[in-house]
Amino acid sequence: MFTIAICDDSQMIQSGLSQFIDRALENKNTEYETLTFSNGDELFSWIDNNDRVIELLFLDIEMPGMSGVEIKSQLEKNDKVKRVVFETSHYENMQEAFGAKVIGFMLKPLKYEDVKKRVENAFDEYTDDILIEISKDIFVKKSDISFIKAEGNYCDFYCVDGKTIKAIRSSLSYFKKLLGDTFIRVHKSYIVNAYDIKKCDRSLVAMSNNVQISIGRSYLNSFKSEYRAIALSVAQARF
């Protein structure tokens, strides 16, 4: 289940934000739940007593007792919350609020379009973590794939952890369609996960596992365009 949480001492903001979340997910055809907490103690009590993961937490910076920044610091050591979006009335509070799990900031009063963008981005990443079937009884998470290499009528999957799934009978075109826009064709024999690219230039992409892949001349322009669009969407998601 896709789980979102709100930690804010204002009941009005909890209610309004919950309605925004419902609107953002109404056409996603997915099961989800929105949890509400009025302070850090309530949030951590839920975390300690549940096995579920909170995919997205909307967190108020200014709260009585434990502040949002203090909560964020504790969450960095906890794997029960994946992403945090801060709410604040003052931009000057943002400087100390950056962190590994922080994916964005929203200025109060909250706007629906801002909330919708955060929810949709988190949902897209959540669906990337769902197991997909690449062959009969062979499943893999999209986020675990670094790149795919075609070998004749077969494809080899190279994962970010160094593992390889060999000889899946299908075409690169099929897997490009299956995996979506975040997987980019860079060569007639390669598709790469844009989120796993460590660096790139006009002729090579370097993946997080330090594998370097040549960019085919006929794919250079489309690669640049697609990769730029993905990088821009990530940057916009933070602010």
Protein backbone atom coordinates (compact mmCIF):
# COMPACT_ATOMS: atom_id res chain seq x y z
CA MET A 1 0.00 0.00 0.00
CA PHE A 2 1.19 3.50 -0.88
CA THR A 3 1.37 5.28 2.49
CA ILE A 4 1.59 9.04 2.97
CA ALA A 5 1.86 10.80 6.33
CA ILE A 6 1.29 14.36 7.53
CA CYS A 7 2.99 15.61 10.69
CA ASP A 8 1.64 19.06 11.51
CA ASP A 9 0.19 20.53 14.70
CA SER A 10 -2.54 22.35 12.74
CA GLN A 11 -5.73 20.31 12.28
CA MET A 12 -6.74 22.68 9.48
CA ILE A 13 -3.56 21.95 7.52
CA GLN A 14 -3.94 18.22 8.15
CA SER A 15 -7.46 18.31 6.73
CA GLY A 16 -6.63 20.51 3.74
CA LEU A 17 -3.50 18.56 2.86
CA SER A 18 -5.38 15.25 3.11
CA GLN A 19 -7.94 16.55 0.61
CA PHE A 20 -5.17 17.65 -1.77
CA ILE A 21 -3.62 14.16 -1.54
CA ASP A 22 -6.96 12.53 -2.33
CA ARG A 23 -7.33 14.72 -5.42
CA ALA A 24 -3.78 13.98 -6.57
CA LEU A 25 -4.29 10.21 -6.35
CA GLU A 26 -7.91 9.89 -7.45
CA ASN A 27 -6.97 8.70 -10.96
CA LYS A 28 -3.99 6.53 -9.99
CA ASN A 29 -6.03 3.36 -9.45
CA THR A 30 -3.97 2.38 -6.42
CA GLU A 31 -4.61 1.53 -2.78
CA TYR A 32 -3.25 4.21 -0.46
CA GLU A 33 -3.64 5.61 3.04
CA THR A 34 -2.96 9.05 4.49
CA LEU A 35 -1.87 9.08 8.14
CA THR A 36 -2.00 12.23 10.27
CA PHE A 37 0.12 13.10 13.31
CA SER A 38 0.15 16.25 15.41
CA ASN A 39 3.71 15.93 16.70
CA GLY A 40 6.89 13.90 16.51
CA ASP A 41 5.96 11.66 19.45
CA GLU A 42 2.83 10.44 17.64
CA LEU A 43 4.80 9.86 14.44
CA PHE A 44 7.56 7.84 16.11
CA SER A 45 5.04 5.86 18.15
CA TRP A 46 3.39 4.76 14.91
CA ILE A 47 6.77 3.95 13.33
CA ASP A 48 7.79 1.84 16.34
CA ASN A 49 4.57 -0.17 16.25
CA ASN A 50 4.13 -0.77 12.52
CA ASP A 51 6.04 -2.65 9.85
CA ARG A 52 4.78 -0.51 6.98
CA VAL A 53 6.93 2.09 5.25
CA ILE A 54 5.85 5.72 4.84
CA GLU A 55 6.65 6.58 1.24
CA LEU A 56 6.14 10.33 1.66
CA LEU A 57 6.01 12.47 4.82
CA PHE A 58 4.77 16.06 4.78
CA LEU A 59 6.53 17.57 7.79
CA ASP A 60 5.97 20.96 9.41
CA ILE A 61 9.23 22.66 10.37
CA GLU A 62 7.78 24.82 13.16
CA MET A 63 5.98 22.71 15.78
CA PRO A 64 5.78 22.79 19.59
CA GLY A 65 8.07 20.27 21.24
CA MET A 66 10.15 18.37 18.71
CA SER A 67 10.72 20.54 15.63
CA GLY A 68 10.52 19.25 12.09
CA VAL A 69 14.29 19.56 11.76
CA GLU A 70 14.81 17.42 14.87
CA ILE A 71 12.35 14.84 13.54
CA LYS A 72 14.18 14.81 10.20
CA SER A 73 17.50 14.17 11.95
CA GLN A 74 16.08 11.12 13.72
CA LEU A 75 14.49 9.84 10.52
CA GLU A 76 17.87 9.80 8.79
CA LYS A 77 18.72 6.78 10.97
CA ASN A 78 15.37 5.11 10.30
CA ASP A 79 14.31 3.22 7.17
CA LYS A 80 10.55 3.50 7.86
CA VAL A 81 10.25 6.88 6.08
CA LYS A 82 11.60 7.19 2.54
CA ARG A 83 10.95 10.81 1.55
CA VAL A 84 10.31 14.07 3.40
CA VAL A 85 8.74 17.29 2.12
CA PHE A 86 8.95 20.20 4.55
CA GLU A 87 6.17 22.74 5.05
CA THR A 88 7.17 26.15 6.35
CA SER A 89 5.93 29.70 6.67
CA HIS A 90 9.45 31.12 6.39
CA TYR A 91 12.03 30.40 3.70
CA GLU A 92 14.84 31.28 6.13
CA ASN A 93 14.06 28.06 8.02
CA MET A 94 15.06 25.92 5.05
CA GLN A 95 18.82 26.20 5.40
CA GLU A 96 19.09 23.73 8.29
CA ALA A 97 16.33 21.49 6.94
CA PHE A 98 18.24 19.88 4.07
CA GLY A 99 18.98 16.19 4.43
CA ALA A 100 19.35 12.87 2.68
CA LYS A 101 15.62 12.11 2.65
CA VAL A 102 14.43 15.66 2.00
CA ILE A 103 13.04 15.94 -1.53
CA GLY A 104 11.42 19.35 -1.34
CA PHE A 105 9.98 22.34 0.51
CA MET A 106 6.57 23.99 0.34
CA LEU A 107 5.70 27.47 1.55
CA LYS A 108 2.47 27.97 3.49
CA PRO A 109 -0.32 28.51 2.62
CA LEU A 110 -0.04 25.25 0.70
CA LYS A 111 -1.13 25.12 -2.94
CA TYR A 112 -2.73 22.11 -4.58
CA GLU A 113 -0.36 22.09 -7.59
CA ASP A 114 2.68 21.96 -5.28
CA VAL A 115 1.22 19.07 -3.29
CA LYS A 116 0.16 17.24 -6.45
CA LYS A 117 3.69 17.45 -7.86
CA ARG A 118 5.25 16.00 -4.68
CA VAL A 119 2.69 13.20 -4.43
CA GLU A 120 2.98 12.22 -8.10
CA ASN A 121 6.79 12.19 -7.99
CA ALA A 122 6.78 10.01 -4.87
CA PHE A 123 4.17 7.72 -6.42
CA ASP A 124 6.24 7.34 -9.60
CA GLU A 125 9.29 6.39 -7.53
CA TYR A 126 7.14 4.02 -5.47
CA THR A 127 5.94 2.23 -8.60
CA ASP A 128 9.56 1.96 -9.75
CA ASP A 129 10.19 -0.14 -6.64
CA ILE A 130 7.43 -2.58 -7.49
CA LEU A 131 8.62 -5.91 -8.84
CA ILE A 132 8.12 -6.32 -12.57
CA GLU A 133 8.20 -9.61 -14.44
CA ILE A 134 10.92 -9.55 -17.10
CA SER A 135 10.44 -13.21 -17.99
CA LYS A 136 8.40 -16.13 -16.73
CA ASP A 137 8.86 -16.29 -12.94
CA ILE A 138 11.77 -13.81 -13.06
CA PHE A 139 11.09 -10.53 -11.25
CA VAL A 140 13.21 -7.44 -10.64
CA LYS A 141 12.70 -3.93 -9.28
CA LYS A 142 13.10 -1.14 -11.83
CA SER A 143 15.24 0.80 -9.37
CA ASP A 144 17.61 -2.19 -9.08
CA ILE A 145 18.43 -2.16 -12.81
CA SER A 146 21.52 -0.22 -13.89
CA PHE A 147 21.45 -1.04 -17.60
CA ILE A 148 20.37 -3.68 -20.11
CA LYS A 149 22.59 -5.07 -22.85
CA ALA A 150 21.26 -6.82 -25.95
CA GLU A 151 23.02 -9.96 -27.16
CA GLY A 152 21.30 -11.16 -30.32
CA ASN A 153 17.75 -12.19 -29.43
CA TYR A 154 18.50 -12.05 -25.71
CA CYS A 155 19.05 -9.32 -23.13
CA ASP A 156 21.26 -9.28 -20.04
CA PHE A 157 20.19 -7.21 -17.03
CA TYR A 158 23.00 -5.57 -15.04
CA CYS A 159 21.92 -4.49 -11.55
CA VAL A 160 23.20 -1.67 -9.35
CA ASP A 161 24.45 -4.17 -6.77
CA GLY A 162 26.68 -5.88 -9.35
CA LYS A 163 24.44 -8.87 -9.99
CA THR A 164 23.55 -9.93 -13.53
CA ILE A 165 20.42 -11.62 -14.86
CA LYS A 166 21.51 -13.35 -18.04
CA ALA A 167 19.83 -14.33 -21.29
CA ILE A 168 16.26 -13.00 -21.09
CA ARG A 169 14.68 -13.72 -24.46
CA SER A 170 13.18 -10.46 -25.72
CA SER A 171 14.17 -7.23 -27.46
CA LEU A 172 15.51 -3.96 -26.09
CA SER A 173 12.52 -2.20 -27.63
CA TYR A 174 10.18 -4.36 -25.58
CA PHE A 175 12.00 -3.59 -22.34
CA LYS A 176 12.21 0.12 -23.17
CA LYS A 177 8.42 0.18 -23.45
CA LEU A 178 8.00 -1.94 -20.31
CA LEU A 179 10.33 0.15 -18.14
CA GLY A 180 9.22 3.61 -19.26
CA ASP A 181 10.75 7.03 -19.83
CA THR A 182 13.44 6.84 -17.14
CA PHE A 183 15.23 4.15 -19.16
CA ILE A 184 17.03 5.67 -22.15
CA ARG A 185 18.38 4.06 -25.31
CA VAL A 186 22.01 5.16 -25.68
CA HIS A 187 23.19 2.58 -28.21
CA LYS A 188 21.67 -0.08 -30.43
CA SER A 189 22.73 -2.61 -27.78
CA TYR A 190 22.12 -0.67 -24.54
CA ILE A 191 19.36 0.88 -22.44
CA VAL A 192 20.40 2.67 -19.24
CA ASN A 193 18.56 3.69 -16.09
CA ALA A 194 18.79 7.51 -16.07
CA TYR A 195 18.68 7.57 -12.26
CA ASP A 196 21.77 5.36 -12.10
CA ILE A 197 23.97 7.53 -14.34
CA LYS A 198 26.97 8.81 -12.39
CA LYS A 199 28.25 11.15 -15.10
CA CYS A 200 28.15 11.53 -18.86
CA ASP A 201 29.77 13.40 -21.73
CA ARG A 202 29.31 13.44 -25.50
CA SER A 203 30.55 9.90 -25.98
CA LEU A 204 30.10 7.96 -22.73
CA VAL A 205 27.78 7.39 -19.80
CA ALA A 206 29.29 6.14 -16.56
CA MET A 207 26.96 4.16 -14.33
CA SER A 208 27.09 3.96 -10.53
CA ASN A 209 28.87 0.59 -10.74
CA ASN A 210 31.63 2.35 -12.76
CA VAL A 211 30.70 0.62 -16.01
CA GLN A 212 31.19 2.97 -18.97
CA ILE A 213 28.88 2.67 -21.97
CA SER A 214 29.46 4.31 -25.33
CA ILE A 215 26.72 6.57 -26.68
CA GLY A 216 25.95 5.72 -30.29
CA ARG A 217 26.17 8.70 -32.65
CA SER A 218 22.61 8.20 -33.86
CA TYR A 219 21.36 8.17 -30.25
CA LEU A 220 23.28 11.20 -28.94
CA ASN A 221 20.64 13.87 -29.57
CA SER A 222 17.73 11.81 -28.26
CA PHE A 223 19.78 10.82 -25.19
CA LYS A 224 20.63 14.44 -24.41
CA SER A 225 17.01 15.51 -24.79
CA GLU A 226 15.56 12.70 -22.67
CA TYR A 227 18.22 12.95 -19.97
CA ARG A 228 17.85 16.73 -19.75
CA ALA A 229 14.08 16.36 -19.33
CA ILE A 230 14.52 13.85 -16.50
CA ALA A 231 17.15 16.01 -14.75
CA LEU A 232 14.86 19.04 -15.02
CA SER A 233 11.90 17.16 -13.55
CA VAL A 234 14.05 16.03 -10.60
CA ALA A 235 15.25 19.60 -9.99
CA GLN A 236 11.71 20.98 -10.16
CA ALA A 237 10.52 18.34 -7.71
CA ARG A 238 12.76 19.74 -4.99
CA PHE A 239 11.40 23.30 -5.07
